[in-house]
Amino acid sequence: MGLVNSFIHRLYQYWHCDTVTRQDIHPLKNYHNYELAFQWLRENEPVLAAHLEGKSPEDFRKMPKYSYSSKQVFSFNRWTCVGEAGLFPDPFYSPGSDSIGFGNSLTTQMIELDLKGQLTPERVDDANHFYLTYHDGLTFNIQNSYNCMGNGIVLSTKFIWDTLAGWTFSGLMMFNSIFLDPELKMKVQQINAEFFPLSYRMQQLFRDWANQSLGRVSFEFIDYLAIPFVNELRTRNLQSNKTEAEITEAYRASLKLLEEFAQVIFQIALEDTSPELLPKINEHPWLNAWAISLDASKWETDGLFSPKSEPRNLHIIKKQYLEAINR
């Protein structure tokens, strides 16, 4: 699917004439046949519904549980399930190519190892763990976006955060075949393991921000590749044939950037939801990003004001992002 002629609206996305929603937000029973689907359009996308009025559909299909996972996709008994035969995360962000690339590459490597008599059950288990963990984490992050649809600044900021994270982890993994090298993969996982609790915090922040937004922060257009720190990370990470030292440095630099950007996002979210709390935050120019929350009652107990990393200046990143949203 392409993003051409797509609509992002409150808690759902509309692709061409395909509706993709979360069951807990927009139940399928409300639009599971053409008549109900057209009524749903009248209520949620009246402009599109008006253009379709009086036109007969050539076809209508429904696909419950569009996103799905598996317990196993690779077997020591010489079979694999790649592509949609194994799993599919979610059409938003168009992650299918990455998923297929990881699956096909791992399958090819296992065939090569098997032909050499070097394939082991442990290697297959490791491939399953990597692929399924990647998929399930990606699906969680993407589907968290549905809670943010309808709030432009939250969804756009989350999109940029998720893009930076993707270029850091999926990008470096894919461009340098790290996932095919167990020893190197273990080394980089030790570096980036601390990102995942930070990511979980940020996904919760985006949900809370969308729910509590007062509409104080808005924008008309964001050219995210024109944001210097975004383009710098992209240029650095989406390169192949890096040395191990260069890969390690790229991960460390990206994690530092994500830690800094998390704090900037937190400040902007507070400005939008609870501006009266900003003076307290401004007393602490460097925070524990792993304790970020819009619930001020948890700040002290979670250690928000007790960062473990050395303080760094957030001015440049904040300035670049605020300029991008014309603030």
C-alpha atoms as a PDB file:
ATOM      1  CA  MET A   1       0.000   0.000   0.000  1.00  0.00           C
ATOM      2  CA  GLY A   2       1.074   3.579  -0.522  1.00  0.00           C
ATOM      3  CA  LEU A   3       0.436   6.678   1.467  1.00  0.00           C
ATOM      4  CA  VAL A   4      -0.923   8.508  -1.587  1.00  0.00           C
ATOM      5  CA  ASN A   5      -4.353  10.010  -0.955  1.00  0.00           C
ATOM      6  CA  SER A   6      -4.328   8.856   2.655  1.00  0.00           C
ATOM      7  CA  PHE A   7      -5.947  10.605   5.583  1.00  0.00           C
ATOM      8  CA  ILE A   8      -4.766  10.693   9.184  1.00  0.00           C
ATOM      9  CA  HIS A   9      -7.670  11.592  11.398  1.00  0.00           C
ATOM     10  CA  ARG A  10      -8.840  11.044  14.930  1.00  0.00           C
ATOM     11  CA  LEU A  11      -7.720   7.601  16.102  1.00  0.00           C
ATOM     12  CA  TYR A  12      -7.573   5.969  12.685  1.00  0.00           C
ATOM     13  CA  GLN A  13      -5.888   6.151   9.280  1.00  0.00           C
ATOM     14  CA  TYR A  14      -7.589   6.091   5.887  1.00  0.00           C
ATOM     15  CA  TRP A  15      -5.705   4.612   2.920  1.00  0.00           C
ATOM     16  CA  HIS A  16      -7.235   5.135  -0.515  1.00  0.00           C
ATOM     17  CA  CYS A  17     -10.538   3.382   0.190  1.00  0.00           C
ATOM     18  CA  ASP A  18      -9.148   1.191   2.953  1.00  0.00           C
ATOM     19  CA  THR A  19      -9.912   1.860   6.601  1.00  0.00           C
ATOM     20  CA  VAL A  20      -7.313   0.695   9.114  1.00  0.00           C
ATOM     21  CA  THR A  21      -8.301   1.010  12.766  1.00  0.00           C
ATOM     22  CA  ARG A  22      -7.727  -0.491  16.174  1.00  0.00           C
ATOM     23  CA  GLN A  23     -10.557  -2.727  17.329  1.00  0.00           C
ATOM     24  CA  ASP A  24     -10.680  -1.185  20.805  1.00  0.00           C
ATOM     25  CA  ILE A  25     -11.129   2.306  19.319  1.00  0.00           C
ATOM     26  CA  HIS A  26     -13.251   1.738  16.199  1.00  0.00           C
ATOM     27  CA  PRO A  27     -14.879  -1.757  16.424  1.00  0.00           C
ATOM     28  CA  LEU A  28     -15.178  -3.639  13.142  1.00  0.00           C
ATOM     29  CA  LYS A  29     -18.886  -4.255  13.778  1.00  0.00           C
ATOM     30  CA  ASN A  30     -19.471  -0.569  13.011  1.00  0.00           C
ATOM     31  CA  TYR A  31     -18.309  -0.875   9.378  1.00  0.00           C
ATOM     32  CA  HIS A  32     -18.060  -4.583   8.505  1.00  0.00           C
ATOM     33  CA  ASN A  33     -20.210  -4.295   5.357  1.00  0.00           C
ATOM     34  CA  TYR A  34     -20.408  -1.659   2.635  1.00  0.00           C
ATOM     35  CA  GLU A  35     -23.554   0.019   3.939  1.00  0.00           C
ATOM     36  CA  LEU A  36     -22.148   0.399   7.446  1.00  0.00           C
ATOM     37  CA  ALA A  37     -18.749   1.405   6.076  1.00  0.00           C
ATOM     38  CA  PHE A  38     -20.334   4.177   4.010  1.00  0.00           C
ATOM     39  CA  GLN A  39     -22.271   5.414   7.029  1.00  0.00           C
ATOM     40  CA  TRP A  40     -19.008   5.358   9.003  1.00  0.00           C
ATOM     41  CA  LEU A  41     -17.451   7.495   6.267  1.00  0.00           C
ATOM     42  CA  ARG A  42     -20.318   9.972   6.413  1.00  0.00           C
ATOM     43  CA  GLU A  43     -19.643  10.454  10.109  1.00  0.00           C
ATOM     44  CA  ASN A  44     -15.841  10.442  10.060  1.00  0.00           C
ATOM     45  CA  GLU A  45     -14.825  11.501   6.526  1.00  0.00           C
ATOM     46  CA  PRO A  46     -17.788  13.464   5.144  1.00  0.00           C
ATOM     47  CA  VAL A  47     -15.796  15.070   2.306  1.00  0.00           C
ATOM     48  CA  LEU A  48     -14.693  11.682   0.980  1.00  0.00           C
ATOM     49  CA  ALA A  49     -18.185  10.256   1.502  1.00  0.00           C
ATOM     50  CA  ALA A  50     -19.659  13.077  -0.570  1.00  0.00           C
ATOM     51  CA  HIS A  51     -17.326  12.212  -3.473  1.00  0.00           C
ATOM     52  CA  LEU A  52     -18.352   8.539  -3.280  1.00  0.00           C
ATOM     53  CA  GLU A  53     -22.080   9.250  -3.016  1.00  0.00           C
ATOM     54  CA  GLY A  54     -24.052   7.443  -5.722  1.00  0.00           C
ATOM     55  CA  LYS A  55     -21.080   5.368  -6.896  1.00  0.00           C
ATOM     56  CA  SER A  56     -21.327   1.585  -6.656  1.00  0.00           C
ATOM     57  CA  PRO A  57     -18.339  -0.296  -5.214  1.00  0.00           C
ATOM     58  CA  GLU A  58     -16.636  -2.828  -7.444  1.00  0.00           C
ATOM     59  CA  ASP A  59     -15.609  -4.854  -4.428  1.00  0.00           C
ATOM     60  CA  PHE A  60     -15.680  -4.813  -0.634  1.00  0.00           C
ATOM     61  CA  ARG A  61     -13.462  -6.794   1.700  1.00  0.00           C
ATOM     62  CA  LYS A  62     -12.836  -6.888   5.432  1.00  0.00           C
ATOM     63  CA  MET A  63      -9.759  -8.235   7.154  1.00  0.00           C
ATOM     64  CA  PRO A  64     -10.001  -8.617  10.938  1.00  0.00           C
ATOM     65  CA  LYS A  65      -6.737  -8.963  12.859  1.00  0.00           C
ATOM     66  CA  TYR A  66      -4.736  -7.385  10.047  1.00  0.00           C
ATOM     67  CA  SER A  67      -1.711  -7.335  12.362  1.00  0.00           C
ATOM     68  CA  TYR A  68      -0.543 -10.701  13.611  1.00  0.00           C
ATOM     69  CA  SER A  69       2.505 -12.410  15.045  1.00  0.00           C
ATOM     70  CA  SER A  70       3.781 -15.975  15.407  1.00  0.00           C
ATOM     71  CA  LYS A  71       5.312 -18.213  18.016  1.00  0.00           C
ATOM     72  CA  GLN A  72       7.928 -19.387  15.522  1.00  0.00           C
ATOM     73  CA  VAL A  73       8.936 -18.471  11.976  1.00  0.00           C
ATOM     74  CA  PHE A  74      12.228 -20.371  11.561  1.00  0.00           C
ATOM     75  CA  SER A  75      12.830 -24.073  12.184  1.00  0.00           C
ATOM     76  CA  PHE A  76      15.905 -26.255  12.453  1.00  0.00           C
ATOM     77  CA  ASN A  77      13.843 -28.739  10.390  1.00  0.00           C
ATOM     78  CA  ARG A  78      14.501 -26.667   7.253  1.00  0.00           C
ATOM     79  CA  TRP A  79      11.405 -24.521   6.982  1.00  0.00           C
ATOM     80  CA  THR A  80      10.765 -20.825   7.437  1.00  0.00           C
ATOM     81  CA  CYS A  81       7.731 -18.555   7.147  1.00  0.00           C
ATOM     82  CA  VAL A  82       8.772 -15.244   5.633  1.00  0.00           C
ATOM     83  CA  GLY A  83       6.764 -12.224   4.574  1.00  0.00           C
ATOM     84  CA  GLU A  84       3.049 -12.261   5.351  1.00  0.00           C
ATOM     85  CA  ALA A  85       3.174 -16.043   5.769  1.00  0.00           C
ATOM     86  CA  GLY A  86       4.867 -15.487   9.120  1.00  0.00           C
ATOM     87  CA  LEU A  87       3.732 -12.169  10.544  1.00  0.00           C
ATOM     88  CA  PHE A  88       2.731  -8.628   9.699  1.00  0.00           C
ATOM     89  CA  PRO A  89       3.081  -5.612  12.014  1.00  0.00           C
ATOM     90  CA  ASP A  90       0.816  -2.797  10.769  1.00  0.00           C
ATOM     91  CA  PRO A  91       0.510  -0.860   7.486  1.00  0.00           C
ATOM     92  CA  PHE A  92       1.117   2.523   9.133  1.00  0.00           C
ATOM     93  CA  TYR A  93       4.814   3.513   8.697  1.00  0.00           C
ATOM     94  CA  SER A  94       4.982   0.913   5.867  1.00  0.00           C
ATOM     95  CA  PRO A  95       7.331  -1.443   7.775  1.00  0.00           C
ATOM     96  CA  GLY A  96       6.767  -4.443   5.519  1.00  0.00           C
ATOM     97  CA  SER A  97       9.954  -4.039   3.481  1.00  0.00           C
ATOM     98  CA  ASP A  98      12.152  -4.033   6.585  1.00  0.00           C
ATOM     99  CA  SER A  99      10.339  -7.048   7.988  1.00  0.00           C
ATOM    100  CA  ILE A 100      10.622  -8.978   4.735  1.00  0.00           C
ATOM    101  CA  GLY A 101      14.280  -7.971   4.416  1.00  0.00           C
ATOM    102  CA  PHE A 102      15.140  -9.274   7.881  1.00  0.00           C
ATOM    103  CA  GLY A 103      13.195 -12.503   7.318  1.00  0.00           C
ATOM    104  CA  ASN A 104      14.618 -13.227   3.872  1.00  0.00           C
ATOM    105  CA  SER A 105      18.191 -12.436   4.933  1.00  0.00           C
ATOM    106  CA  LEU A 106      17.997 -14.671   8.001  1.00  0.00           C
ATOM    107  CA  THR A 107      16.489 -17.469   5.904  1.00  0.00           C
ATOM    108  CA  THR A 108      19.237 -17.153   3.284  1.00  0.00           C
ATOM    109  CA  GLN A 109      21.917 -17.281   5.956  1.00  0.00           C
ATOM    110  CA  MET A 110      20.384 -20.388   7.552  1.00  0.00           C
ATOM    111  CA  ILE A 111      20.302 -22.139   4.169  1.00  0.00           C
ATOM    112  CA  GLU A 112      23.982 -21.295   3.645  1.00  0.00           C
ATOM    113  CA  LEU A 113      24.902 -22.563   7.117  1.00  0.00           C
ATOM    114  CA  ASP A 114      22.869 -25.734   6.605  1.00  0.00           C
ATOM    115  CA  LEU A 115      24.620 -26.477   3.310  1.00  0.00           C
ATOM    116  CA  LYS A 116      27.945 -26.167   5.146  1.00  0.00           C
ATOM    117  CA  GLY A 117      26.743 -28.382   7.993  1.00  0.00           C
ATOM    118  CA  GLN A 118      27.086 -25.452  10.413  1.00  0.00           C
ATOM    119  CA  LEU A 119      23.451 -24.691  11.263  1.00  0.00           C
ATOM    120  CA  THR A 120      22.608 -25.302  14.926  1.00  0.00           C
ATOM    121  CA  PRO A 121      19.315 -25.216  16.872  1.00  0.00           C
ATOM    122  CA  GLU A 122      20.771 -22.381  18.941  1.00  0.00           C
ATOM    123  CA  ARG A 123      21.353 -20.279  15.817  1.00  0.00           C
ATOM    124  CA  VAL A 124      17.755 -20.860  14.714  1.00  0.00           C
ATOM    125  CA  ASP A 125      16.438 -19.977  18.184  1.00  0.00           C
ATOM    126  CA  ASP A 126      18.458 -16.772  18.121  1.00  0.00           C
ATOM    127  CA  ALA A 127      17.001 -15.849  14.722  1.00  0.00           C
ATOM    128  CA  ASN A 128      13.466 -16.475  15.989  1.00  0.00           C
ATOM    129  CA  HIS A 129      14.057 -14.397  19.094  1.00  0.00           C
ATOM    130  CA  PHE A 130      15.489 -11.463  17.154  1.00  0.00           C
ATOM    131  CA  TYR A 131      12.837 -11.461  14.444  1.00  0.00           C
ATOM    132  CA  LEU A 132       9.807 -11.916  16.721  1.00  0.00           C
ATOM    133  CA  THR A 133      11.039  -9.435  19.329  1.00  0.00           C
ATOM    134  CA  TYR A 134      11.682  -6.867  16.618  1.00  0.00           C
ATOM    135  CA  HIS A 135       8.231  -7.421  15.134  1.00  0.00           C
ATOM    136  CA  ASP A 136       6.316  -7.288  18.418  1.00  0.00           C
ATOM    137  CA  GLY A 137       8.101  -4.138  19.580  1.00  0.00           C
ATOM    138  CA  LEU A 138       7.538  -2.459  16.222  1.00  0.00           C
ATOM    139  CA  THR A 139       3.846  -3.364  16.239  1.00  0.00           C
ATOM    140  CA  PHE A 140       3.407  -1.966  19.751  1.00  0.00           C
ATOM    141  CA  ASN A 141       5.042   1.326  18.801  1.00  0.00           C
ATOM    142  CA  ILE A 142       3.111   1.709  15.558  1.00  0.00           C
ATOM    143  CA  GLN A 143      -0.266   0.884  17.060  1.00  0.00           C
ATOM    144  CA  ASN A 144       0.382   3.318  19.870  1.00  0.00           C
ATOM    145  CA  SER A 145       0.086   5.948  17.114  1.00  0.00           C
ATOM    146  CA  TYR A 146      -3.654   5.377  16.823  1.00  0.00           C
ATOM    147  CA  ASN A 147      -4.153   6.975  20.237  1.00  0.00           C
ATOM    148  CA  CYS A 148      -2.405  10.097  18.926  1.00  0.00           C
ATOM    149  CA  MET A 149      -4.265  10.519  15.643  1.00  0.00           C
ATOM    150  CA  GLY A 150      -6.362  13.651  15.669  1.00  0.00           C
ATOM    151  CA  ASN A 151      -3.643  15.631  17.444  1.00  0.00           C
ATOM    152  CA  GLY A 152      -1.191  16.876  14.844  1.00  0.00           C
ATOM    153  CA  ILE A 153       1.666  17.968  17.086  1.00  0.00           C
ATOM    154  CA  VAL A 154       1.636  14.769  19.151  1.00  0.00           C
ATOM    155  CA  LEU A 155       1.446  12.425  16.167  1.00  0.00           C
ATOM    156  CA  SER A 156       4.087  14.346  14.208  1.00  0.00           C
ATOM    157  CA  THR A 157       6.467  14.453  17.162  1.00  0.00           C
ATOM    158  CA  LYS A 158       5.930  10.746  17.791  1.00  0.00           C
ATOM    159  CA  PHE A 159       6.539  10.047  14.109  1.00  0.00           C
ATOM    160  CA  ILE A 160       9.878  11.850  14.248  1.00  0.00           C
ATOM    161  CA  TRP A 161      10.826  10.035  17.467  1.00  0.00           C
ATOM    162  CA  ASP A 162       9.913   6.657  15.958  1.00  0.00           C
ATOM    163  CA  THR A 163      11.775   7.492  12.755  1.00  0.00           C
ATOM    164  CA  LEU A 164      14.945   8.352  14.667  1.00  0.00           C
ATOM    165  CA  ALA A 165      14.609   5.132  16.647  1.00  0.00           C
ATOM    166  CA  GLY A 166      14.058   3.144  13.449  1.00  0.00           C
ATOM    167  CA  TRP A 167      17.071   4.651  11.712  1.00  0.00           C
ATOM    168  CA  THR A 168      19.122   3.846  14.797  1.00  0.00           C
ATOM    169  CA  PHE A 169      18.119   0.239  15.364  1.00  0.00           C
ATOM    170  CA  SER A 170      16.588  -1.140  12.165  1.00  0.00           C
ATOM    171  CA  GLY A 171      18.702   1.110   9.950  1.00  0.00           C
ATOM    172  CA  LEU A 172      22.097   0.275  11.384  1.00  0.00           C
ATOM    173  CA  MET A 173      21.140  -3.405  11.684  1.00  0.00           C
ATOM    174  CA  MET A 174      20.040  -3.652   8.065  1.00  0.00           C
ATOM    175  CA  PHE A 175      22.650  -1.473   6.373  1.00  0.00           C
ATOM    176  CA  ASN A 176      25.518  -3.288   8.106  1.00  0.00           C
ATOM    177  CA  SER A 177      24.034  -6.806   8.430  1.00  0.00           C
ATOM    178  CA  ILE A 178      24.574  -6.702  12.195  1.00  0.00           C
ATOM    179  CA  PHE A 179      21.661  -9.087  12.770  1.00  0.00           C
ATOM    180  CA  LEU A 180      23.534 -11.766  10.791  1.00  0.00           C
ATOM    181  CA  ASP A 181      26.606 -11.548  13.049  1.00  0.00           C
ATOM    182  CA  PRO A 182      25.760 -12.982  16.507  1.00  0.00           C
ATOM    183  CA  GLU A 183      28.890 -11.654  18.211  1.00  0.00           C
ATOM    184  CA  LEU A 184      28.539  -8.112  16.873  1.00  0.00           C
ATOM    185  CA  LYS A 185      24.798  -8.170  17.519  1.00  0.00           C
ATOM    186  CA  MET A 186      25.419  -9.042  21.151  1.00  0.00           C
ATOM    187  CA  LYS A 187      27.902  -6.193  21.502  1.00  0.00           C
ATOM    188  CA  VAL A 188      25.538  -3.572  20.108  1.00  0.00           C
ATOM    189  CA  GLN A 189      22.622  -4.950  22.115  1.00  0.00           C
ATOM    190  CA  GLN A 190      24.615  -4.276  25.264  1.00  0.00           C
ATOM    191  CA  ILE A 191      24.932  -0.664  24.142  1.00  0.00           C
ATOM    192  CA  ASN A 192      21.367  -0.072  23.067  1.00  0.00           C
ATOM    193  CA  ALA A 193      19.573  -2.129  25.742  1.00  0.00           C
ATOM    194  CA  GLU A 194      19.046   1.022  27.792  1.00  0.00           C
ATOM    195  CA  PHE A 195      17.007   2.548  24.977  1.00  0.00           C
ATOM    196  CA  PHE A 196      14.043   0.215  25.372  1.00  0.00           C
ATOM    197  CA  PRO A 197      12.868   1.405  28.804  1.00  0.00           C
ATOM    198  CA  LEU A 198      13.290   4.959  27.483  1.00  0.00           C
ATOM    199  CA  SER A 199      11.183   4.067  24.447  1.00  0.00           C
ATOM    200  CA  TYR A 200       8.467   2.635  26.681  1.00  0.00           C
ATOM    201  CA  ARG A 201       8.429   5.860  28.703  1.00  0.00           C
ATOM    202  CA  MET A 202       8.125   7.926  25.560  1.00  0.00           C
ATOM    203  CA  GLN A 203       5.283   5.853  24.142  1.00  0.00           C
ATOM    204  CA  GLN A 204       3.380   6.376  27.398  1.00  0.00           C
ATOM    205  CA  LEU A 205       4.187  10.088  27.236  1.00  0.00           C
ATOM    206  CA  PHE A 206       2.738  10.344  23.731  1.00  0.00           C
ATOM    207  CA  ARG A 207      -0.477   8.604  24.824  1.00  0.00           C
ATOM    208  CA  ASP A 208      -0.853  10.848  27.859  1.00  0.00           C
ATOM    209  CA  TRP A 209       0.003  13.962  25.865  1.00  0.00           C
ATOM    210  CA  ALA A 210      -2.666  13.170  23.265  1.00  0.00           C
ATOM    211  CA  ASN A 211      -5.250  12.615  26.002  1.00  0.00           C
ATOM    212  CA  GLN A 212      -4.358  15.737  28.000  1.00  0.00           C
ATOM    213  CA  SER A 213      -3.496  18.205  25.226  1.00  0.00           C
ATOM    214  CA  LEU A 214      -4.905  21.706  25.628  1.00  0.00           C
ATOM    215  CA  GLY A 215      -4.128  22.605  22.018  1.00  0.00           C
ATOM    216  CA  ARG A 216      -1.544  25.199  23.052  1.00  0.00           C
ATOM    217  CA  VAL A 217       1.106  23.869  20.649  1.00  0.00           C
ATOM    218  CA  SER A 218       0.394  23.512  16.943  1.00  0.00           C
ATOM    219  CA  PHE A 219       2.031  23.787  13.522  1.00  0.00           C
ATOM    220  CA  GLU A 220       1.120  24.006   9.850  1.00  0.00           C
ATOM    221  CA  PHE A 221       3.846  21.887   8.258  1.00  0.00           C
ATOM    222  CA  ILE A 222       6.969  20.048   9.404  1.00  0.00           C
ATOM    223  CA  ASP A 223       9.739  19.202   6.965  1.00  0.00           C
ATOM    224  CA  TYR A 224      11.417  16.703   9.236  1.00  0.00           C
ATOM    225  CA  LEU A 225      14.432  16.134   6.994  1.00  0.00           C
ATOM    226  CA  ALA A 226      15.120  19.865   7.190  1.00  0.00           C
ATOM    227  CA  ILE A 227      15.665  19.528  10.946  1.00  0.00           C
ATOM    228  CA  PRO A 228      19.479  19.370  11.230  1.00  0.00           C
ATOM    229  CA  PHE A 229      19.724  16.802  14.032  1.00  0.00           C
ATOM    230  CA  VAL A 230      17.249  14.511  12.223  1.00  0.00           C
ATOM    231  CA  ASN A 231      19.142  14.663   8.942  1.00  0.00           C
ATOM    232  CA  GLU A 232      22.492  14.206  10.692  1.00  0.00           C
ATOM    233  CA  LEU A 233      21.333  10.978  12.333  1.00  0.00           C
ATOM    234  CA  ARG A 234      19.897   9.734   9.037  1.00  0.00           C
ATOM    235  CA  THR A 235      23.115  10.489   7.151  1.00  0.00           C
ATOM    236  CA  ARG A 236      25.258   8.833   9.814  1.00  0.00           C
ATOM    237  CA  ASN A 237      23.208   5.672  10.335  1.00  0.00           C
ATOM    238  CA  LEU A 238      21.948   4.792   6.863  1.00  0.00           C
ATOM    239  CA  GLN A 239      25.370   3.881   5.530  1.00  0.00           C
ATOM    240  CA  SER A 240      26.782   0.450   4.788  1.00  0.00           C
ATOM    241  CA  ASN A 241      30.246  -1.046   5.254  1.00  0.00           C
ATOM    242  CA  LYS A 242      30.896   0.625   8.598  1.00  0.00           C
ATOM    243  CA  THR A 243      33.673  -0.747  10.786  1.00  0.00           C
ATOM    244  CA  GLU A 244      32.791  -2.195  14.171  1.00  0.00           C
ATOM    245  CA  ALA A 245      34.150   0.937  15.840  1.00  0.00           C
ATOM    246  CA  GLU A 246      32.035   3.152  13.568  1.00  0.00           C
ATOM    247  CA  ILE A 247      28.934   1.082  14.294  1.00  0.00           C
ATOM    248  CA  THR A 248      29.508   1.306  18.031  1.00  0.00           C
ATOM    249  CA  GLU A 249      30.039   5.046  17.844  1.00  0.00           C
ATOM    250  CA  ALA A 250      26.899   5.491  15.727  1.00  0.00           C
ATOM    251  CA  TYR A 251      24.811   3.689  18.344  1.00  0.00           C
ATOM    252  CA  ARG A 252      26.277   5.715  21.201  1.00  0.00           C
ATOM    253  CA  ALA A 253      25.783   9.022  19.369  1.00  0.00           C
ATOM    254  CA  SER A 254      22.205   8.121  18.472  1.00  0.00           C
ATOM    255  CA  LEU A 255      21.360   7.147  22.047  1.00  0.00           C
ATOM    256  CA  LYS A 256      22.687  10.461  23.300  1.00  0.00           C
ATOM    257  CA  LEU A 257      20.574  12.310  20.763  1.00  0.00           C
ATOM    258  CA  LEU A 258      17.460  10.333  21.704  1.00  0.00           C
ATOM    259  CA  GLU A 259      18.067  11.073  25.389  1.00  0.00           C
ATOM    260  CA  GLU A 260      18.292  14.783  24.601  1.00  0.00           C
ATOM    261  CA  PHE A 261      15.308  14.821  22.245  1.00  0.00           C
ATOM    262  CA  ALA A 262      13.209  12.988  24.852  1.00  0.00           C
ATOM    263  CA  GLN A 263      13.752  15.848  27.285  1.00  0.00           C
ATOM    264  CA  VAL A 264      12.871  18.450  24.655  1.00  0.00           C
ATOM    265  CA  ILE A 265       9.670  16.563  23.802  1.00  0.00           C
ATOM    266  CA  PHE A 266       8.824  16.401  27.503  1.00  0.00           C
ATOM    267  CA  GLN A 267       9.176  20.164  27.837  1.00  0.00           C
ATOM    268  CA  ILE A 268       6.952  20.789  24.805  1.00  0.00           C
ATOM    269  CA  ALA A 269       4.355  18.309  26.082  1.00  0.00           C
ATOM    270  CA  LEU A 270       4.292  20.095  29.437  1.00  0.00           C
ATOM    271  CA  GLU A 271       3.877  23.444  27.712  1.00  0.00           C
ATOM    272  CA  ASP A 272       0.815  22.020  25.978  1.00  0.00           C
ATOM    273  CA  THR A 273      -0.719  20.123  28.911  1.00  0.00           C
ATOM    274  CA  SER A 274       0.462  21.650  32.202  1.00  0.00           C
ATOM    275  CA  PRO A 275       2.312  24.926  31.589  1.00  0.00           C
ATOM    276  CA  GLU A 276       2.134  25.788  35.288  1.00  0.00           C
ATOM    277  CA  LEU A 277       4.632  22.963  35.945  1.00  0.00           C
ATOM    278  CA  LEU A 278       7.294  24.322  33.591  1.00  0.00           C
ATOM    279  CA  PRO A 279       8.996  26.553  36.218  1.00  0.00           C
ATOM    280  CA  LYS A 280       9.778  23.470  38.316  1.00  0.00           C
ATOM    281  CA  ILE A 281      11.231  21.688  35.295  1.00  0.00           C
ATOM    282  CA  ASN A 282      13.220  24.758  34.271  1.00  0.00           C
ATOM    283  CA  GLU A 283      14.986  24.637  37.636  1.00  0.00           C
ATOM    284  CA  HIS A 284      16.571  21.386  36.414  1.00  0.00           C
ATOM    285  CA  PRO A 285      18.117  21.908  32.954  1.00  0.00           C
ATOM    286  CA  TRP A 286      19.120  18.229  32.747  1.00  0.00           C
ATOM    287  CA  LEU A 287      16.677  15.462  33.695  1.00  0.00           C
ATOM    288  CA  ASN A 288      16.562  11.699  33.973  1.00  0.00           C
ATOM    289  CA  ALA A 289      14.924  10.939  30.626  1.00  0.00           C
ATOM    290  CA  TRP A 290      14.050   7.432  31.852  1.00  0.00           C
ATOM    291  CA  ALA A 291      11.731   8.974  34.463  1.00  0.00           C
ATOM    292  CA  ILE A 292       9.818  11.309  32.152  1.00  0.00           C
ATOM    293  CA  SER A 293       6.081  11.398  32.801  1.00  0.00           C
ATOM    294  CA  LEU A 294       3.191  13.845  32.671  1.00  0.00           C
ATOM    295  CA  ASP A 295       2.157  12.570  36.106  1.00  0.00           C
ATOM    296  CA  ALA A 296       3.951  15.067  38.346  1.00  0.00           C
ATOM    297  CA  SER A 297       3.199  12.981  41.443  1.00  0.00           C
ATOM    298  CA  LYS A 298       5.725  10.397  40.177  1.00  0.00           C
ATOM    299  CA  TRP A 299       8.584  12.747  39.378  1.00  0.00           C
ATOM    300  CA  GLU A 300      10.382  12.475  42.703  1.00  0.00           C
ATOM    301  CA  THR A 301       9.863   8.749  43.281  1.00  0.00           C
ATOM    302  CA  ASP A 302      10.823   7.859  39.698  1.00  0.00           C
ATOM    303  CA  GLY A 303      13.989   9.951  39.936  1.00  0.00           C
ATOM    304  CA  LEU A 304      13.235  12.587  37.313  1.00  0.00           C
ATOM    305  CA  PHE A 305      15.556  15.068  39.000  1.00  0.00           C
ATOM    306  CA  SER A 306      18.332  12.510  39.581  1.00  0.00           C
ATOM    307  CA  PRO A 307      19.875  11.911  36.155  1.00  0.00           C
ATOM    308  CA  LYS A 308      22.594   9.285  35.828  1.00  0.00           C
ATOM    309  CA  SER A 309      24.234  10.801  32.759  1.00  0.00           C
ATOM    310  CA  GLU A 310      26.405  13.874  32.569  1.00  0.00           C
ATOM    311  CA  PRO A 311      24.444  17.080  31.804  1.00  0.00           C
ATOM    312  CA  ARG A 312      24.449  18.326  28.228  1.00  0.00           C
ATOM    313  CA  ASN A 313      23.063  21.460  26.632  1.00  0.00           C
ATOM    314  CA  LEU A 314      19.606  20.979  25.096  1.00  0.00           C
ATOM    315  CA  HIS A 315      19.475  24.417  23.513  1.00  0.00           C
ATOM    316  CA  ILE A 316      20.505  23.429  19.980  1.00  0.00           C
ATOM    317  CA  ILE A 317      18.089  20.511  19.626  1.00  0.00           C
ATOM    318  CA  LYS A 318      15.230  22.451  21.179  1.00  0.00           C
ATOM    319  CA  LYS A 319      15.896  25.455  18.947  1.00  0.00           C
ATOM    320  CA  GLN A 320      16.010  23.304  15.816  1.00  0.00           C
ATOM    321  CA  TYR A 321      12.752  21.559  16.656  1.00  0.00           C
ATOM    322  CA  LEU A 322      10.892  24.712  17.641  1.00  0.00           C
ATOM    323  CA  GLU A 323      12.019  26.346  14.399  1.00  0.00           C
ATOM    324  CA  ALA A 324      10.655  23.334  12.507  1.00  0.00           C
ATOM    325  CA  ILE A 325       7.199  23.925  13.988  1.00  0.00           C
ATOM    326  CA  ASN A 326       7.542  27.700  13.610  1.00  0.00           C
ATOM    327  CA  ARG A 327       7.608  28.536  17.314  1.00  0.00           C
END
